[in-house]
Amino acid sequence: FFQQEGAKRAYNGQWVRDEFRGKGELWVLDESVDEVRRAKPYTILRYQGNFNVSEGQFQRPPNFMKLELEKHASIIKAYFPTRPAQLRQPPSGLALDARPPGSSSLVA
């Protein structure tokens, strides 16, 4: 059972990588039928048959949770472009703290 767009639905069938795939049945639960008919009158309430994931013209994006720095260097470079680190110094004449070391700004 799961909720999708405010309607409770159920699926019974085959799965591949957490997706409906193969033979199965998908339906809107009875308690949500009236809401779905009102909000989206052309929605299919029950489907039984084959499910497949559209492959399309684009590849699936990589799973960034499993990246390894050395092994996936090209993917990291493509999806997370970075600039080389540069040591940045404040402009001349601009001091971050003009107080001598060890002095305190607290007044006793």
N, C-alpha and C. Protein backbone atom coordinates (compact mmCIF):
# COMPACT_ATOMS: atom_id res chain seq x y z
N PHE A 1 0.85 -1.19 0.00
CA PHE A 1 0.00 0.00 0.00
C PHE A 1 0.89 1.24 0.00
N PHE A 2 0.46 2.27 -0.69
CA PHE A 2 1.20 3.53 -0.71
C PHE A 2 0.23 4.65 -1.06
N GLN A 3 0.69 5.87 -0.83
CA GLN A 3 -0.14 7.03 -1.15
C GLN A 3 0.53 7.79 -2.28
N GLN A 4 -0.26 8.15 -3.28
CA GLN A 4 0.24 8.87 -4.44
C GLN A 4 -0.76 9.94 -4.82
N GLU A 5 -0.32 11.18 -4.85
CA GLU A 5 -1.19 12.31 -5.21
C GLU A 5 -2.46 12.33 -4.38
N GLY A 6 -2.34 12.07 -3.10
CA GLY A 6 -3.48 12.15 -2.20
C GLY A 6 -4.41 10.95 -2.21
N ALA A 7 -4.14 9.95 -3.04
CA ALA A 7 -5.00 8.76 -3.11
C ALA A 7 -4.22 7.54 -2.63
N LYS A 8 -4.91 6.69 -1.90
CA LYS A 8 -4.28 5.46 -1.42
C LYS A 8 -4.39 4.41 -2.50
N ARG A 9 -3.26 3.79 -2.81
CA ARG A 9 -3.19 2.79 -3.87
C ARG A 9 -2.49 1.54 -3.36
N ALA A 10 -2.64 0.47 -4.10
CA ALA A 10 -1.98 -0.79 -3.74
C ALA A 10 -1.44 -1.44 -5.00
N TYR A 11 -0.38 -2.22 -4.83
CA TYR A 11 0.21 -2.95 -5.94
C TYR A 11 0.53 -4.36 -5.47
N ASN A 12 0.23 -5.32 -6.30
CA ASN A 12 0.58 -6.70 -6.01
C ASN A 12 1.16 -7.28 -7.28
N GLY A 13 2.41 -7.68 -7.23
CA GLY A 13 3.03 -8.25 -8.42
C GLY A 13 4.54 -8.27 -8.30
N GLN A 14 5.19 -8.32 -9.44
CA GLN A 14 6.63 -8.43 -9.51
C GLN A 14 7.30 -7.06 -9.38
N TRP A 15 8.51 -7.09 -8.84
CA TRP A 15 9.30 -5.86 -8.63
C TRP A 15 10.69 -6.04 -9.21
N VAL A 16 11.26 -4.96 -9.68
CA VAL A 16 12.67 -4.92 -10.05
C VAL A 16 13.19 -3.57 -9.60
N ARG A 17 14.19 -3.59 -8.72
CA ARG A 17 14.79 -2.36 -8.19
C ARG A 17 13.74 -1.37 -7.69
N ASP A 18 12.86 -1.80 -6.85
CA ASP A 18 11.82 -0.96 -6.24
C ASP A 18 10.87 -0.33 -7.26
N GLU A 19 10.69 -0.96 -8.41
CA GLU A 19 9.76 -0.45 -9.41
C GLU A 19 8.83 -1.59 -9.84
N PHE A 20 7.61 -1.22 -10.21
CA PHE A 20 6.68 -2.21 -10.73
C PHE A 20 7.25 -2.72 -12.05
N ARG A 21 7.44 -4.03 -12.15
CA ARG A 21 7.97 -4.59 -13.39
C ARG A 21 7.54 -6.04 -13.50
N GLY A 22 7.01 -6.40 -14.62
CA GLY A 22 6.52 -7.76 -14.82
C GLY A 22 5.00 -7.78 -14.67
N LYS A 23 4.46 -8.93 -14.33
CA LYS A 23 3.01 -9.06 -14.16
C LYS A 23 2.61 -8.53 -12.79
N GLY A 24 1.49 -7.82 -12.77
CA GLY A 24 1.02 -7.29 -11.49
C GLY A 24 -0.33 -6.62 -11.62
N GLU A 25 -0.78 -6.09 -10.51
CA GLU A 25 -2.06 -5.39 -10.45
C GLU A 25 -1.89 -4.14 -9.60
N LEU A 26 -2.36 -3.02 -10.10
CA LEU A 26 -2.31 -1.74 -9.40
C LEU A 26 -3.72 -1.21 -9.30
N TRP A 27 -4.13 -0.80 -8.10
CA TRP A 27 -5.49 -0.30 -7.95
C TRP A 27 -5.55 0.79 -6.89
N VAL A 28 -6.61 1.60 -7.00
CA VAL A 28 -6.93 2.62 -6.01
C VAL A 28 -7.78 1.95 -4.93
N LEU A 29 -7.43 2.16 -3.67
CA LEU A 29 -8.20 1.56 -2.58
C LEU A 29 -9.61 2.15 -2.54
N ASP A 30 -10.56 1.35 -2.10
CA ASP A 30 -11.97 1.76 -2.06
C ASP A 30 -12.17 3.09 -1.34
N GLU A 31 -11.41 3.31 -0.27
CA GLU A 31 -11.59 4.54 0.50
C GLU A 31 -11.15 5.81 -0.25
N SER A 32 -10.42 5.64 -1.35
CA SER A 32 -9.96 6.79 -2.14
C SER A 32 -10.63 6.93 -3.49
N VAL A 33 -11.49 5.99 -3.86
CA VAL A 33 -12.11 5.99 -5.20
C VAL A 33 -12.90 7.27 -5.45
N ASP A 34 -13.73 7.70 -4.51
CA ASP A 34 -14.55 8.89 -4.72
C ASP A 34 -13.69 10.14 -4.92
N GLU A 35 -12.63 10.26 -4.13
CA GLU A 35 -11.73 11.41 -4.25
C GLU A 35 -11.05 11.43 -5.61
N VAL A 36 -10.58 10.27 -6.07
CA VAL A 36 -9.90 10.20 -7.37
C VAL A 36 -10.88 10.52 -8.49
N ARG A 37 -12.09 10.00 -8.41
CA ARG A 37 -13.10 10.28 -9.45
C ARG A 37 -13.45 11.76 -9.51
N ARG A 38 -13.47 12.41 -8.36
CA ARG A 38 -13.78 13.83 -8.32
C ARG A 38 -12.61 14.68 -8.84
N ALA A 39 -11.40 14.39 -8.36
CA ALA A 39 -10.23 15.20 -8.71
C ALA A 39 -9.70 14.91 -10.11
N LYS A 40 -9.71 13.64 -10.50
CA LYS A 40 -9.18 13.24 -11.81
C LYS A 40 -10.10 12.20 -12.42
N PRO A 41 -11.17 12.63 -13.04
CA PRO A 41 -12.20 11.70 -13.51
C PRO A 41 -11.74 10.70 -14.57
N TYR A 42 -10.63 10.93 -15.24
CA TYR A 42 -10.19 10.02 -16.30
C TYR A 42 -9.09 9.06 -15.83
N THR A 43 -8.88 8.98 -14.54
CA THR A 43 -7.85 8.10 -13.99
C THR A 43 -8.30 6.65 -14.03
N ILE A 44 -7.39 5.77 -14.38
CA ILE A 44 -7.66 4.33 -14.33
C ILE A 44 -7.63 3.90 -12.87
N LEU A 45 -8.68 3.27 -12.40
CA LEU A 45 -8.77 2.88 -11.00
C LEU A 45 -8.17 1.51 -10.73
N ARG A 46 -8.12 0.65 -11.73
CA ARG A 46 -7.56 -0.69 -11.54
C ARG A 46 -6.91 -1.11 -12.85
N TYR A 47 -5.67 -1.59 -12.76
CA TYR A 47 -4.98 -2.10 -13.94
C TYR A 47 -4.35 -3.43 -13.57
N GLN A 48 -4.56 -4.42 -14.42
CA GLN A 48 -3.96 -5.73 -14.22
C GLN A 48 -3.29 -6.12 -15.52
N GLY A 49 -2.01 -6.43 -15.45
CA GLY A 49 -1.29 -6.79 -16.66
C GLY A 49 0.21 -6.67 -16.47
N ASN A 50 0.89 -6.31 -17.55
CA ASN A 50 2.34 -6.20 -17.52
C ASN A 50 2.78 -4.77 -17.25
N PHE A 51 3.79 -4.66 -16.41
CA PHE A 51 4.40 -3.37 -16.11
C PHE A 51 5.83 -3.42 -16.61
N ASN A 52 6.29 -2.31 -17.11
CA ASN A 52 7.67 -2.20 -17.55
C ASN A 52 8.11 -0.77 -17.36
N VAL A 53 9.38 -0.57 -17.15
CA VAL A 53 9.92 0.77 -16.97
C VAL A 53 10.34 1.29 -18.32
N SER A 54 9.93 2.50 -18.63
CA SER A 54 10.31 3.11 -19.89
C SER A 54 11.82 3.35 -19.90
N GLU A 55 12.47 2.88 -20.93
CA GLU A 55 13.91 3.06 -21.02
C GLU A 55 14.25 4.44 -21.58
N GLY A 56 13.48 4.93 -22.53
CA GLY A 56 13.70 6.26 -23.07
C GLY A 56 15.04 6.41 -23.76
N GLN A 57 15.36 7.64 -24.09
CA GLN A 57 16.61 7.88 -24.79
C GLN A 57 17.74 8.24 -23.83
N PHE A 58 17.44 8.44 -22.56
CA PHE A 58 18.46 8.84 -21.59
C PHE A 58 18.77 7.68 -20.65
N GLN A 59 20.01 7.58 -20.25
CA GLN A 59 20.41 6.56 -19.30
C GLN A 59 19.93 6.94 -17.91
N ARG A 60 19.80 5.93 -17.04
CA ARG A 60 19.45 6.21 -15.65
C ARG A 60 20.59 7.00 -15.01
N PRO A 61 20.25 7.97 -14.16
CA PRO A 61 21.33 8.71 -13.49
C PRO A 61 22.06 7.79 -12.52
N PRO A 62 23.33 8.08 -12.29
CA PRO A 62 24.08 7.22 -11.35
C PRO A 62 23.58 7.40 -9.92
N ASN A 63 23.78 6.39 -9.11
CA ASN A 63 23.42 6.45 -7.70
C ASN A 63 24.58 7.10 -6.96
N PHE A 64 24.43 8.37 -6.60
CA PHE A 64 25.52 9.11 -5.98
C PHE A 64 25.83 8.65 -4.56
N MET A 65 24.96 7.85 -3.97
CA MET A 65 25.22 7.35 -2.62
C MET A 65 26.33 6.30 -2.61
N LYS A 66 26.65 5.75 -3.77
CA LYS A 66 27.64 4.67 -3.83
C LYS A 66 28.93 5.08 -4.55
N LEU A 67 29.18 6.36 -4.66
CA LEU A 67 30.38 6.82 -5.36
C LEU A 67 31.64 6.58 -4.54
N GLU A 68 32.70 6.20 -5.24
CA GLU A 68 34.02 6.07 -4.63
C GLU A 68 34.93 7.03 -5.37
N LEU A 69 35.71 7.82 -4.64
CA LEU A 69 36.49 8.90 -5.22
C LEU A 69 37.38 8.44 -6.38
N GLU A 70 38.16 7.42 -6.19
CA GLU A 70 39.09 6.98 -7.24
C GLU A 70 38.35 6.24 -8.37
N LYS A 71 37.45 5.36 -8.00
CA LYS A 71 36.76 4.51 -8.98
C LYS A 71 35.84 5.31 -9.89
N HIS A 72 35.20 6.36 -9.37
CA HIS A 72 34.21 7.13 -10.12
C HIS A 72 34.67 8.56 -10.40
N ALA A 73 35.94 8.75 -10.59
CA ALA A 73 36.48 10.10 -10.79
C ALA A 73 35.83 10.82 -11.97
N SER A 74 35.57 10.10 -13.06
CA SER A 74 34.98 10.77 -14.24
C SER A 74 33.54 11.21 -13.97
N ILE A 75 32.78 10.40 -13.23
CA ILE A 75 31.40 10.77 -12.89
C ILE A 75 31.39 11.96 -11.94
N ILE A 76 32.28 11.94 -10.97
CA ILE A 76 32.36 13.06 -10.02
C ILE A 76 32.72 14.34 -10.76
N LYS A 77 33.65 14.25 -11.68
CA LYS A 77 34.05 15.45 -12.45
C LYS A 77 32.89 15.95 -13.31
N ALA A 78 32.11 15.03 -13.90
CA ALA A 78 31.01 15.42 -14.78
C ALA A 78 29.83 16.02 -14.01
N TYR A 79 29.49 15.45 -12.85
CA TYR A 79 28.31 15.88 -12.12
C TYR A 79 28.60 16.88 -11.00
N PHE A 80 29.84 16.95 -10.55
CA PHE A 80 30.21 17.86 -9.47
C PHE A 80 31.45 18.65 -9.86
N PRO A 81 31.36 19.48 -10.90
CA PRO A 81 32.55 20.23 -11.31
C PRO A 81 33.00 21.18 -10.21
N THR A 82 34.29 21.24 -10.01
CA THR A 82 34.85 22.13 -8.98
C THR A 82 36.04 22.87 -9.56
N ARG A 83 36.37 23.97 -8.92
CA ARG A 83 37.56 24.72 -9.30
C ARG A 83 38.69 24.31 -8.37
N PRO A 84 39.92 24.43 -8.83
CA PRO A 84 41.03 24.13 -7.93
C PRO A 84 41.00 25.09 -6.74
N ALA A 85 41.37 24.59 -5.59
CA ALA A 85 41.39 25.42 -4.38
C ALA A 85 42.49 26.47 -4.50
N GLN A 86 42.19 27.68 -4.11
CA GLN A 86 43.16 28.77 -4.13
C GLN A 86 43.22 29.39 -2.76
N LEU A 87 44.44 29.72 -2.33
CA LEU A 87 44.61 30.39 -1.06
C LEU A 87 44.18 31.84 -1.25
N ARG A 88 43.20 32.24 -0.52
CA ARG A 88 42.68 33.61 -0.66
C ARG A 88 43.14 34.44 0.51
N GLN A 89 43.68 35.61 0.22
CA GLN A 89 44.12 36.53 1.26
C GLN A 89 43.28 37.79 1.19
N PRO A 90 43.02 38.40 2.35
CA PRO A 90 42.23 39.63 2.33
C PRO A 90 42.98 40.72 1.59
N PRO A 91 42.26 41.66 0.98
CA PRO A 91 42.92 42.78 0.28
C PRO A 91 43.84 43.52 1.23
N SER A 92 44.93 44.08 0.68
CA SER A 92 45.88 44.80 1.53
C SER A 92 45.20 45.99 2.20
N GLY A 93 45.60 46.24 3.43
CA GLY A 93 45.02 47.35 4.18
C GLY A 93 43.76 46.96 4.93
N LEU A 94 43.23 45.77 4.70
CA LEU A 94 42.01 45.33 5.38
C LEU A 94 42.41 44.27 6.40
N ALA A 95 42.29 44.59 7.64
CA ALA A 95 42.65 43.64 8.69
C ALA A 95 41.37 43.05 9.25
N LEU A 96 41.39 41.76 9.49
CA LEU A 96 40.23 41.12 10.07
C LEU A 96 40.05 41.51 11.53
N ASP A 97 41.16 41.65 12.25
CA ASP A 97 41.11 42.02 13.66
C ASP A 97 42.36 42.83 13.95
N ALA A 98 42.19 44.09 14.23
CA ALA A 98 43.33 44.99 14.42
C ALA A 98 43.90 44.93 15.82
N ARG A 99 43.30 44.19 16.74
CA ARG A 99 43.80 44.11 18.10
C ARG A 99 45.06 43.25 18.15
N PRO A 100 45.98 43.58 19.01
CA PRO A 100 47.18 42.75 19.15
C PRO A 100 46.79 41.39 19.73
N PRO A 101 47.53 40.35 19.40
CA PRO A 101 47.24 39.02 19.94
C PRO A 101 47.23 39.04 21.47
N GLY A 102 46.29 38.33 22.05
CA GLY A 102 46.18 38.22 23.51
C GLY A 102 45.31 39.28 24.14
N SER A 103 44.94 40.32 23.41
CA SER A 103 44.08 41.35 23.98
C SER A 103 42.62 40.93 23.90
N SER A 104 41.80 41.47 24.73
CA SER A 104 40.41 41.11 24.76
C SER A 104 39.55 42.34 24.50
N SER A 105 38.40 42.13 23.88
CA SER A 105 37.52 43.26 23.63
C SER A 105 36.54 43.45 24.78
N LEU A 106 36.59 42.56 25.76
CA LEU A 106 35.69 42.68 26.89
C LEU A 106 36.16 43.79 27.83
N VAL A 107 35.24 44.62 28.28
CA VAL A 107 35.57 45.68 29.20
C VAL A 107 35.21 45.19 30.60
N ALA A 108 36.17 45.35 31.54
CA ALA A 108 35.93 44.89 32.91
C ALA A 108 35.27 45.94 33.74
